[in-house]
Amino acid sequence: MRICLVTPEPGHPLLAAATALLEAAGHRVDSLDPGAVDEAPDDLADVYLLKSRTPGALELARELERRGAPVLNSAAATALCQDRTAMAEVALQAGLPFAGTRTYGSLAAWAAGEPLGASPLVVKSRHSRRHDLVARVDDRARLRELADAWPQEPVVVQEFAPNSGWDHKLWAIGDRVFAALRRSELAPQGRGPTRPLALAELPPGWADVVRRTGEVFALDVYGVDLIDTGDGIPLIVDVNAFPGIRGQAGAPQALAALALARAGAGR
């Protein structure tokens, strides 16, 4: 089989480890930097792994799909996870335990508008990307500070849900679920290191919530960020297409197996 990684960073730990497994089994693994090509190659691979999520990568993935190549995750599913407004709408309509979300055309427009109310709020960039905005707002002074720094940024706003200060980072590759704990960037101490977490330590039903999220968003490789709002009740605060999934035993094997299964199904 011929597998192609759509990314400028084929040396990413997960991808590099999966590549080593595939090549050891006699398969060919190439990489395609979406920022360095103008169009899809004529000679198509058996499957493409869409790790990059830039606009150029999405357009390349759409072209590959139009030409009949399997792309994992699909361009449509990846794009959906880049828009936090659409993400919330899809999740809530499907009955997933997702944070209620409001959208504003710019942070400055929100700051100039309605009162904050009594509850702390979380403000995020509407369009998910590296180094985007994620911040807690407790008062108008903090809101003005953010509006001065990000005046034209389209944002979503969610009520802050009291929690332990730790995000449950859950990832899935096909049917395999992996888990870790990471101190939230909204915690007073700021983002902390990632701690391993066995699936058996998750509250009952959480792995099923992750798999259901994958079904709703039509994702094959994805991450779901959950917080425990008390008594093991989960709240989804983010969904990511093809996250890094670093340091998870069995993840490279799961990705290699999924790539081969999808490549075989596409023949």
C-alpha atoms as a PDB file:
ATOM      1  CA  MET A   1       0.000   0.000   0.000  1.00  0.00           C
ATOM      2  CA  ARG A   2       1.026   3.612  -0.530  1.00  0.00           C
ATOM      3  CA  ILE A   3       0.158   6.038   2.253  1.00  0.00           C
ATOM      4  CA  CYS A   4       0.681   9.796   1.994  1.00  0.00           C
ATOM      5  CA  LEU A   5       0.922  12.200   4.938  1.00  0.00           C
ATOM      6  CA  VAL A   6      -0.501  15.650   4.205  1.00  0.00           C
ATOM      7  CA  THR A   7       1.694  17.763   6.456  1.00  0.00           C
ATOM      8  CA  PRO A   8       4.806  19.939   6.422  1.00  0.00           C
ATOM      9  CA  GLU A   9       6.032  17.979   9.460  1.00  0.00           C
ATOM     10  CA  PRO A  10       6.250  14.252   8.655  1.00  0.00           C
ATOM     11  CA  GLY A  11       8.680  13.893  11.562  1.00  0.00           C
ATOM     12  CA  HIS A  12       5.913  14.543  14.106  1.00  0.00           C
ATOM     13  CA  PRO A  13       6.285  11.766  16.727  1.00  0.00           C
ATOM     14  CA  LEU A  14       2.963  10.040  15.994  1.00  0.00           C
ATOM     15  CA  LEU A  15       3.434  10.192  12.234  1.00  0.00           C
ATOM     16  CA  ALA A  16       7.082   9.147  12.368  1.00  0.00           C
ATOM     17  CA  ALA A  17       6.306   6.139  14.554  1.00  0.00           C
ATOM     18  CA  ALA A  18       3.399   5.053  12.347  1.00  0.00           C
ATOM     19  CA  THR A  19       5.580   5.527   9.264  1.00  0.00           C
ATOM     20  CA  ALA A  20       8.269   3.262  10.727  1.00  0.00           C
ATOM     21  CA  LEU A  21       5.695   0.541  11.355  1.00  0.00           C
ATOM     22  CA  LEU A  22       4.230   0.799   7.867  1.00  0.00           C
ATOM     23  CA  GLU A  23       7.597   0.810   6.129  1.00  0.00           C
ATOM     24  CA  ALA A  24       8.778  -2.156   8.193  1.00  0.00           C
ATOM     25  CA  ALA A  25       5.745  -4.040   6.878  1.00  0.00           C
ATOM     26  CA  GLY A  26       6.708  -3.242   3.291  1.00  0.00           C
ATOM     27  CA  HIS A  27       4.409  -0.299   2.619  1.00  0.00           C
ATOM     28  CA  ARG A  28       5.421   3.009   1.075  1.00  0.00           C
ATOM     29  CA  VAL A  29       4.905   6.242   3.008  1.00  0.00           C
ATOM     30  CA  ASP A  30       5.268   9.642   1.322  1.00  0.00           C
ATOM     31  CA  SER A  31       4.575  13.133   2.599  1.00  0.00           C
ATOM     32  CA  LEU A  32       2.982  16.099   0.871  1.00  0.00           C
ATOM     33  CA  ASP A  33       3.511  19.635   2.176  1.00  0.00           C
ATOM     34  CA  PRO A  34       0.311  21.535   1.318  1.00  0.00           C
ATOM     35  CA  GLY A  35       2.196  24.818   1.469  1.00  0.00           C
ATOM     36  CA  ALA A  36       4.666  23.713  -1.189  1.00  0.00           C
ATOM     37  CA  VAL A  37       2.331  22.421  -3.923  1.00  0.00           C
ATOM     38  CA  ASP A  38      -0.213  24.142  -6.163  1.00  0.00           C
ATOM     39  CA  GLU A  39      -2.328  21.090  -6.940  1.00  0.00           C
ATOM     40  CA  ALA A  40      -2.711  17.419  -6.158  1.00  0.00           C
ATOM     41  CA  PRO A  41      -0.214  15.060  -7.802  1.00  0.00           C
ATOM     42  CA  ASP A  42      -1.281  12.994 -10.801  1.00  0.00           C
ATOM     43  CA  ASP A  43      -0.181   9.723  -9.199  1.00  0.00           C
ATOM     44  CA  LEU A  44      -2.548   9.191  -6.277  1.00  0.00           C
ATOM     45  CA  ALA A  45      -1.712   7.284  -3.104  1.00  0.00           C
ATOM     46  CA  ASP A  46      -4.034   4.626  -1.692  1.00  0.00           C
ATOM     47  CA  VAL A  47      -4.919   6.866   1.262  1.00  0.00           C
ATOM     48  CA  TYR A  48      -4.057  10.344   2.523  1.00  0.00           C
ATOM     49  CA  LEU A  49      -3.717  11.228   6.205  1.00  0.00           C
ATOM     50  CA  LEU A  50      -4.765  14.871   6.603  1.00  0.00           C
ATOM     51  CA  LYS A  51      -2.681  16.046   9.561  1.00  0.00           C
ATOM     52  CA  SER A  52      -2.398  19.675   8.446  1.00  0.00           C
ATOM     53  CA  ARG A  53      -5.492  21.839   8.920  1.00  0.00           C
ATOM     54  CA  THR A  54      -4.514  25.023   7.074  1.00  0.00           C
ATOM     55  CA  PRO A  55      -6.786  26.466   4.356  1.00  0.00           C
ATOM     56  CA  GLY A  56      -4.319  25.226   1.741  1.00  0.00           C
ATOM     57  CA  ALA A  57      -4.362  21.733   3.222  1.00  0.00           C
ATOM     58  CA  LEU A  58      -8.159  21.664   3.198  1.00  0.00           C
ATOM     59  CA  GLU A  59      -8.312  22.758  -0.432  1.00  0.00           C
ATOM     60  CA  LEU A  60      -5.752  20.100  -1.368  1.00  0.00           C
ATOM     61  CA  ALA A  61      -7.799  17.476   0.488  1.00  0.00           C
ATOM     62  CA  ARG A  62     -10.962  18.530  -1.350  1.00  0.00           C
ATOM     63  CA  GLU A  63      -9.169  18.154  -4.678  1.00  0.00           C
ATOM     64  CA  LEU A  64      -7.919  14.704  -3.703  1.00  0.00           C
ATOM     65  CA  GLU A  65     -11.444  13.686  -2.703  1.00  0.00           C
ATOM     66  CA  ARG A  66     -12.874  14.982  -5.990  1.00  0.00           C
ATOM     67  CA  ARG A  67     -10.426  12.703  -7.766  1.00  0.00           C
ATOM     68  CA  GLY A  68     -11.571   9.717  -5.726  1.00  0.00           C
ATOM     69  CA  ALA A  69      -8.753   9.410  -3.188  1.00  0.00           C
ATOM     70  CA  PRO A  70      -9.632   8.411   0.402  1.00  0.00           C
ATOM     71  CA  VAL A  71      -8.709  11.209   2.833  1.00  0.00           C
ATOM     72  CA  LEU A  72      -8.621  10.637   6.570  1.00  0.00           C
ATOM     73  CA  ASN A  73     -10.169  12.740   8.112  1.00  0.00           C
ATOM     74  CA  SER A  74     -12.297  14.139   5.310  1.00  0.00           C
ATOM     75  CA  ALA A  75     -11.882  17.772   4.321  1.00  0.00           C
ATOM     76  CA  ALA A  76     -15.458  18.517   5.410  1.00  0.00           C
ATOM     77  CA  ALA A  77     -15.041  16.958   8.860  1.00  0.00           C
ATOM     78  CA  THR A  78     -11.725  18.740   9.374  1.00  0.00           C
ATOM     79  CA  ALA A  79     -13.168  22.109   8.348  1.00  0.00           C
ATOM     80  CA  LEU A  80     -16.123  21.649  10.691  1.00  0.00           C
ATOM     81  CA  CYS A  81     -13.765  21.322  13.649  1.00  0.00           C
ATOM     82  CA  GLN A  82     -12.065  24.588  12.686  1.00  0.00           C
ATOM     83  CA  ASP A  83     -15.273  26.589  13.196  1.00  0.00           C
ATOM     84  CA  ARG A  84     -16.290  26.605  16.851  1.00  0.00           C
ATOM     85  CA  THR A  85     -19.710  28.085  16.052  1.00  0.00           C
ATOM     86  CA  ALA A  86     -20.583  25.282  13.646  1.00  0.00           C
ATOM     87  CA  MET A  87     -19.010  22.750  16.011  1.00  0.00           C
ATOM     88  CA  ALA A  88     -21.289  23.798  18.860  1.00  0.00           C
ATOM     89  CA  GLU A  89     -24.390  23.770  16.654  1.00  0.00           C
ATOM     90  CA  VAL A  90     -23.704  20.253  15.378  1.00  0.00           C
ATOM     91  CA  ALA A  91     -22.850  18.899  18.825  1.00  0.00           C
ATOM     92  CA  LEU A  92     -25.863  20.393  20.582  1.00  0.00           C
ATOM     93  CA  GLN A  93     -28.282  19.311  17.843  1.00  0.00           C
ATOM     94  CA  ALA A  94     -26.945  15.765  18.236  1.00  0.00           C
ATOM     95  CA  GLY A  95     -27.535  15.833  21.989  1.00  0.00           C
ATOM     96  CA  LEU A  96     -23.872  15.795  22.965  1.00  0.00           C
ATOM     97  CA  PRO A  97     -22.974  17.399  26.320  1.00  0.00           C
ATOM     98  CA  PHE A  98     -21.380  20.451  24.710  1.00  0.00           C
ATOM     99  CA  ALA A  99     -20.931  23.864  26.275  1.00  0.00           C
ATOM    100  CA  GLY A 100     -23.592  26.403  25.273  1.00  0.00           C
ATOM    101  CA  THR A 101     -22.011  28.816  22.815  1.00  0.00           C
ATOM    102  CA  ARG A 102     -22.702  32.365  21.600  1.00  0.00           C
ATOM    103  CA  THR A 103     -20.927  33.955  18.638  1.00  0.00           C
ATOM    104  CA  TYR A 104     -19.809  37.544  18.070  1.00  0.00           C
ATOM    105  CA  GLY A 105     -18.401  39.047  14.894  1.00  0.00           C
ATOM    106  CA  SER A 106     -15.545  40.634  16.800  1.00  0.00           C
ATOM    107  CA  LEU A 107     -14.257  40.824  20.346  1.00  0.00           C
ATOM    108  CA  ALA A 108     -14.594  44.605  20.248  1.00  0.00           C
ATOM    109  CA  ALA A 109     -18.279  44.281  19.305  1.00  0.00           C
ATOM    110  CA  TRP A 110     -18.916  41.969  22.244  1.00  0.00           C
ATOM    111  CA  ALA A 111     -17.029  44.247  24.630  1.00  0.00           C
ATOM    112  CA  ALA A 112     -19.136  47.209  23.540  1.00  0.00           C
ATOM    113  CA  GLY A 113     -22.394  45.318  23.853  1.00  0.00           C
ATOM    114  CA  GLU A 114     -24.357  43.409  26.448  1.00  0.00           C
ATOM    115  CA  PRO A 115     -23.407  43.232  30.148  1.00  0.00           C
ATOM    116  CA  LEU A 116     -21.333  40.305  31.340  1.00  0.00           C
ATOM    117  CA  GLY A 117     -23.687  39.052  34.028  1.00  0.00           C
ATOM    118  CA  ALA A 118     -22.618  37.316  37.218  1.00  0.00           C
ATOM    119  CA  SER A 119     -20.924  34.185  35.878  1.00  0.00           C
ATOM    120  CA  PRO A 120     -17.337  34.015  34.647  1.00  0.00           C
ATOM    121  CA  LEU A 121     -17.155  33.475  30.903  1.00  0.00           C
ATOM    122  CA  VAL A 122     -14.737  31.790  28.527  1.00  0.00           C
ATOM    123  CA  VAL A 123     -13.930  33.527  25.249  1.00  0.00           C
ATOM    124  CA  LYS A 124     -12.294  31.690  22.343  1.00  0.00           C
ATOM    125  CA  SER A 125     -11.396  32.493  18.775  1.00  0.00           C
ATOM    126  CA  ARG A 126     -14.223  31.337  16.552  1.00  0.00           C
ATOM    127  CA  HIS A 127     -11.738  29.841  14.107  1.00  0.00           C
ATOM    128  CA  SER A 128      -9.525  27.241  15.775  1.00  0.00           C
ATOM    129  CA  ARG A 129      -5.832  27.493  14.903  1.00  0.00           C
ATOM    130  CA  ARG A 130      -2.414  27.582  16.534  1.00  0.00           C
ATOM    131  CA  HIS A 131      -1.947  30.389  19.046  1.00  0.00           C
ATOM    132  CA  ASP A 132      -5.609  31.353  18.948  1.00  0.00           C
ATOM    133  CA  LEU A 133      -7.435  33.089  21.784  1.00  0.00           C
ATOM    134  CA  VAL A 134      -8.679  31.113  24.785  1.00  0.00           C
ATOM    135  CA  ALA A 135      -9.221  33.144  27.946  1.00  0.00           C
ATOM    136  CA  ARG A 136     -11.384  33.456  31.033  1.00  0.00           C
ATOM    137  CA  VAL A 137     -13.258  36.711  31.567  1.00  0.00           C
ATOM    138  CA  ASP A 138     -14.355  37.579  35.104  1.00  0.00           C
ATOM    139  CA  ASP A 139     -14.953  41.308  34.746  1.00  0.00           C
ATOM    140  CA  ARG A 140     -15.126  44.161  32.271  1.00  0.00           C
ATOM    141  CA  ALA A 141     -11.525  45.161  32.928  1.00  0.00           C
ATOM    142  CA  ARG A 142     -10.331  41.793  31.642  1.00  0.00           C
ATOM    143  CA  LEU A 143     -12.719  42.021  28.702  1.00  0.00           C
ATOM    144  CA  ARG A 144     -11.378  45.465  27.746  1.00  0.00           C
ATOM    145  CA  GLU A 145      -7.824  44.144  27.985  1.00  0.00           C
ATOM    146  CA  LEU A 146      -8.616  41.311  25.585  1.00  0.00           C
ATOM    147  CA  ALA A 147     -10.583  43.584  23.248  1.00  0.00           C
ATOM    148  CA  ASP A 148      -7.608  45.941  23.014  1.00  0.00           C
ATOM    149  CA  ALA A 149      -5.321  43.039  22.085  1.00  0.00           C
ATOM    150  CA  TRP A 150      -7.742  41.197  19.751  1.00  0.00           C
ATOM    151  CA  PRO A 151     -10.251  43.855  18.587  1.00  0.00           C
ATOM    152  CA  GLN A 152     -11.281  42.306  15.240  1.00  0.00           C
ATOM    153  CA  GLU A 153     -11.111  38.657  16.321  1.00  0.00           C
ATOM    154  CA  PRO A 154     -14.383  36.741  15.727  1.00  0.00           C
ATOM    155  CA  VAL A 155     -15.118  34.928  18.985  1.00  0.00           C
ATOM    156  CA  VAL A 156     -17.370  32.435  20.693  1.00  0.00           C
ATOM    157  CA  VAL A 157     -18.382  32.875  24.321  1.00  0.00           C
ATOM    158  CA  GLN A 158     -19.279  30.126  26.780  1.00  0.00           C
ATOM    159  CA  GLU A 159     -20.206  30.175  30.448  1.00  0.00           C
ATOM    160  CA  PHE A 160     -17.352  29.005  32.630  1.00  0.00           C
ATOM    161  CA  ALA A 161     -18.263  25.647  34.171  1.00  0.00           C
ATOM    162  CA  PRO A 162     -16.762  25.084  37.638  1.00  0.00           C
ATOM    163  CA  ASN A 163     -14.390  22.124  37.505  1.00  0.00           C
ATOM    164  CA  SER A 164     -11.205  20.671  38.970  1.00  0.00           C
ATOM    165  CA  GLY A 165      -8.928  22.769  36.775  1.00  0.00           C
ATOM    166  CA  TRP A 166      -7.853  19.714  34.785  1.00  0.00           C
ATOM    167  CA  ASP A 167      -8.885  18.966  31.211  1.00  0.00           C
ATOM    168  CA  HIS A 168      -9.456  15.363  30.271  1.00  0.00           C
ATOM    169  CA  LYS A 169      -7.698  15.009  26.932  1.00  0.00           C
ATOM    170  CA  LEU A 170      -9.330  12.098  25.146  1.00  0.00           C
ATOM    171  CA  TRP A 171      -8.241  10.947  21.715  1.00  0.00           C
ATOM    172  CA  ALA A 172      -9.556   8.350  19.317  1.00  0.00           C
ATOM    173  CA  ILE A 173      -8.012   6.540  16.373  1.00  0.00           C
ATOM    174  CA  GLY A 174     -10.792   4.487  14.857  1.00  0.00           C
ATOM    175  CA  ASP A 175     -12.309   2.567  17.777  1.00  0.00           C
ATOM    176  CA  ARG A 176      -9.263   2.966  20.045  1.00  0.00           C
ATOM    177  CA  VAL A 177      -9.565   5.607  22.765  1.00  0.00           C
ATOM    178  CA  PHE A 178      -6.610   7.125  24.618  1.00  0.00           C
ATOM    179  CA  ALA A 179      -6.642   9.452  27.619  1.00  0.00           C
ATOM    180  CA  ALA A 180      -4.541  11.917  29.595  1.00  0.00           C
ATOM    181  CA  LEU A 181      -4.977  14.778  32.054  1.00  0.00           C
ATOM    182  CA  ARG A 182      -3.669  18.282  31.444  1.00  0.00           C
ATOM    183  CA  ARG A 183      -4.037  21.289  33.678  1.00  0.00           C
ATOM    184  CA  SER A 184      -6.308  23.744  31.920  1.00  0.00           C
ATOM    185  CA  GLU A 185      -4.917  26.937  30.451  1.00  0.00           C
ATOM    186  CA  LEU A 186      -7.814  28.617  32.286  1.00  0.00           C
ATOM    187  CA  ALA A 187      -6.585  27.395  35.688  1.00  0.00           C
ATOM    188  CA  PRO A 188      -4.953  30.042  37.925  1.00  0.00           C
ATOM    189  CA  GLN A 189      -1.575  28.317  37.512  1.00  0.00           C
ATOM    190  CA  GLY A 190      -1.908  28.206  33.719  1.00  0.00           C
ATOM    191  CA  ARG A 191      -1.461  25.203  31.465  1.00  0.00           C
ATOM    192  CA  GLY A 192       0.544  22.408  33.023  1.00  0.00           C
ATOM    193  CA  PRO A 193       2.146  19.164  31.930  1.00  0.00           C
ATOM    194  CA  THR A 194       0.193  16.227  30.547  1.00  0.00           C
ATOM    195  CA  ARG A 195      -0.299  13.292  32.913  1.00  0.00           C
ATOM    196  CA  PRO A 196      -1.069   9.736  31.798  1.00  0.00           C
ATOM    197  CA  LEU A 197      -4.567   8.471  32.514  1.00  0.00           C
ATOM    198  CA  ALA A 198      -5.761   4.886  32.133  1.00  0.00           C
ATOM    199  CA  LEU A 199      -9.146   4.411  30.476  1.00  0.00           C
ATOM    200  CA  ALA A 200     -10.271   2.497  33.566  1.00  0.00           C
ATOM    201  CA  GLU A 201      -9.857   5.718  35.555  1.00  0.00           C
ATOM    202  CA  LEU A 202     -12.379   7.605  33.423  1.00  0.00           C
ATOM    203  CA  PRO A 203     -15.879   8.120  34.799  1.00  0.00           C
ATOM    204  CA  PRO A 204     -18.385   5.594  33.417  1.00  0.00           C
ATOM    205  CA  GLY A 205     -19.586   6.337  29.908  1.00  0.00           C
ATOM    206  CA  TRP A 206     -16.932   8.878  28.969  1.00  0.00           C
ATOM    207  CA  ALA A 207     -15.295   6.687  26.324  1.00  0.00           C
ATOM    208  CA  ASP A 208     -18.741   6.221  24.774  1.00  0.00           C
ATOM    209  CA  VAL A 209     -19.174  10.010  24.653  1.00  0.00           C
ATOM    210  CA  VAL A 210     -15.905  10.237  22.740  1.00  0.00           C
ATOM    211  CA  ARG A 211     -16.923   7.582  20.218  1.00  0.00           C
ATOM    212  CA  ARG A 212     -20.338   9.180  19.779  1.00  0.00           C
ATOM    213  CA  THR A 213     -18.611  12.505  19.103  1.00  0.00           C
ATOM    214  CA  GLY A 214     -16.580  10.849  16.368  1.00  0.00           C
ATOM    215  CA  GLU A 215     -19.759   9.496  14.792  1.00  0.00           C
ATOM    216  CA  VAL A 216     -21.509  12.870  14.900  1.00  0.00           C
ATOM    217  CA  PHE A 217     -18.561  14.719  13.366  1.00  0.00           C
ATOM    218  CA  ALA A 218     -17.642  11.895  10.934  1.00  0.00           C
ATOM    219  CA  LEU A 219     -14.086  11.778  12.291  1.00  0.00           C
ATOM    220  CA  ASP A 220     -11.607   8.904  12.285  1.00  0.00           C
ATOM    221  CA  VAL A 221      -8.675  10.477  14.149  1.00  0.00           C
ATOM    222  CA  TYR A 222      -9.732  13.124  16.645  1.00  0.00           C
ATOM    223  CA  GLY A 223      -9.532  14.602  20.094  1.00  0.00           C
ATOM    224  CA  VAL A 224     -12.286  15.523  22.534  1.00  0.00           C
ATOM    225  CA  ASP A 225     -11.547  17.857  25.440  1.00  0.00           C
ATOM    226  CA  LEU A 226     -13.823  17.147  28.410  1.00  0.00           C
ATOM    227  CA  ILE A 227     -14.129  18.603  31.875  1.00  0.00           C
ATOM    228  CA  ASP A 228     -15.762  16.980  34.880  1.00  0.00           C
ATOM    229  CA  THR A 229     -18.445  19.357  36.118  1.00  0.00           C
ATOM    230  CA  GLY A 230     -19.082  17.214  39.203  1.00  0.00           C
ATOM    231  CA  ASP A 231     -20.069  13.624  39.965  1.00  0.00           C
ATOM    232  CA  GLY A 232     -18.504  12.435  36.716  1.00  0.00           C
ATOM    233  CA  ILE A 233     -20.795  14.555  34.536  1.00  0.00           C
ATOM    234  CA  PRO A 234     -18.850  15.430  31.353  1.00  0.00           C
ATOM    235  CA  LEU A 235     -18.898  18.673  29.413  1.00  0.00           C
ATOM    236  CA  ILE A 236     -17.285  18.828  25.978  1.00  0.00           C
ATOM    237  CA  VAL A 237     -15.364  22.061  25.485  1.00  0.00           C
ATOM    238  CA  ASP A 238     -13.545  21.321  22.219  1.00  0.00           C
ATOM    239  CA  VAL A 239     -13.236  18.803  19.379  1.00  0.00           C
ATOM    240  CA  ASN A 240     -10.092  18.555  17.258  1.00  0.00           C
ATOM    241  CA  ALA A 241      -9.429  16.789  13.968  1.00  0.00           C
ATOM    242  CA  PHE A 242      -6.184  14.771  13.840  1.00  0.00           C
ATOM    243  CA  PRO A 243      -4.480  16.043  17.025  1.00  0.00           C
ATOM    244  CA  GLY A 244      -0.919  15.121  17.975  1.00  0.00           C
ATOM    245  CA  ILE A 245      -1.730  12.266  20.407  1.00  0.00           C
ATOM    246  CA  ARG A 246       1.779  12.333  21.835  1.00  0.00           C
ATOM    247  CA  GLY A 247       3.129   9.750  24.224  1.00  0.00           C
ATOM    248  CA  GLN A 248       0.202   7.340  24.012  1.00  0.00           C
ATOM    249  CA  ALA A 249       1.210   3.672  23.926  1.00  0.00           C
ATOM    250  CA  GLY A 250      -0.450   1.918  21.002  1.00  0.00           C
ATOM    251  CA  ALA A 251      -1.375   5.093  19.112  1.00  0.00           C
ATOM    252  CA  PRO A 252       1.124   4.608  16.239  1.00  0.00           C
ATOM    253  CA  GLN A 253      -0.029   1.008  15.820  1.00  0.00           C
ATOM    254  CA  ALA A 254      -3.668   2.102  15.761  1.00  0.00           C
ATOM    255  CA  LEU A 255      -2.948   4.793  13.168  1.00  0.00           C
ATOM    256  CA  ALA A 256      -0.991   2.415  10.946  1.00  0.00           C
ATOM    257  CA  ALA A 257      -3.783  -0.170  11.099  1.00  0.00           C
ATOM    258  CA  LEU A 258      -6.454   2.433  10.357  1.00  0.00           C
ATOM    259  CA  ALA A 259      -4.503   3.784   7.381  1.00  0.00           C
ATOM    260  CA  LEU A 260      -4.155   0.307   5.897  1.00  0.00           C
ATOM    261  CA  ALA A 261      -7.818  -0.498   6.475  1.00  0.00           C
ATOM    262  CA  ARG A 262      -8.920   2.708   4.760  1.00  0.00           C
ATOM    263  CA  ALA A 263      -6.460   2.200   1.908  1.00  0.00           C
ATOM    264  CA  GLY A 264      -7.741  -1.329   1.366  1.00  0.00           C
ATOM    265  CA  ALA A 265     -11.365  -0.213   1.459  1.00  0.00           C
ATOM    266  CA  GLY A 266     -10.679   2.408  -1.188  1.00  0.00           C
ATOM    267  CA  ARG A 267      -9.382  -0.096  -3.727  1.00  0.00           C
END
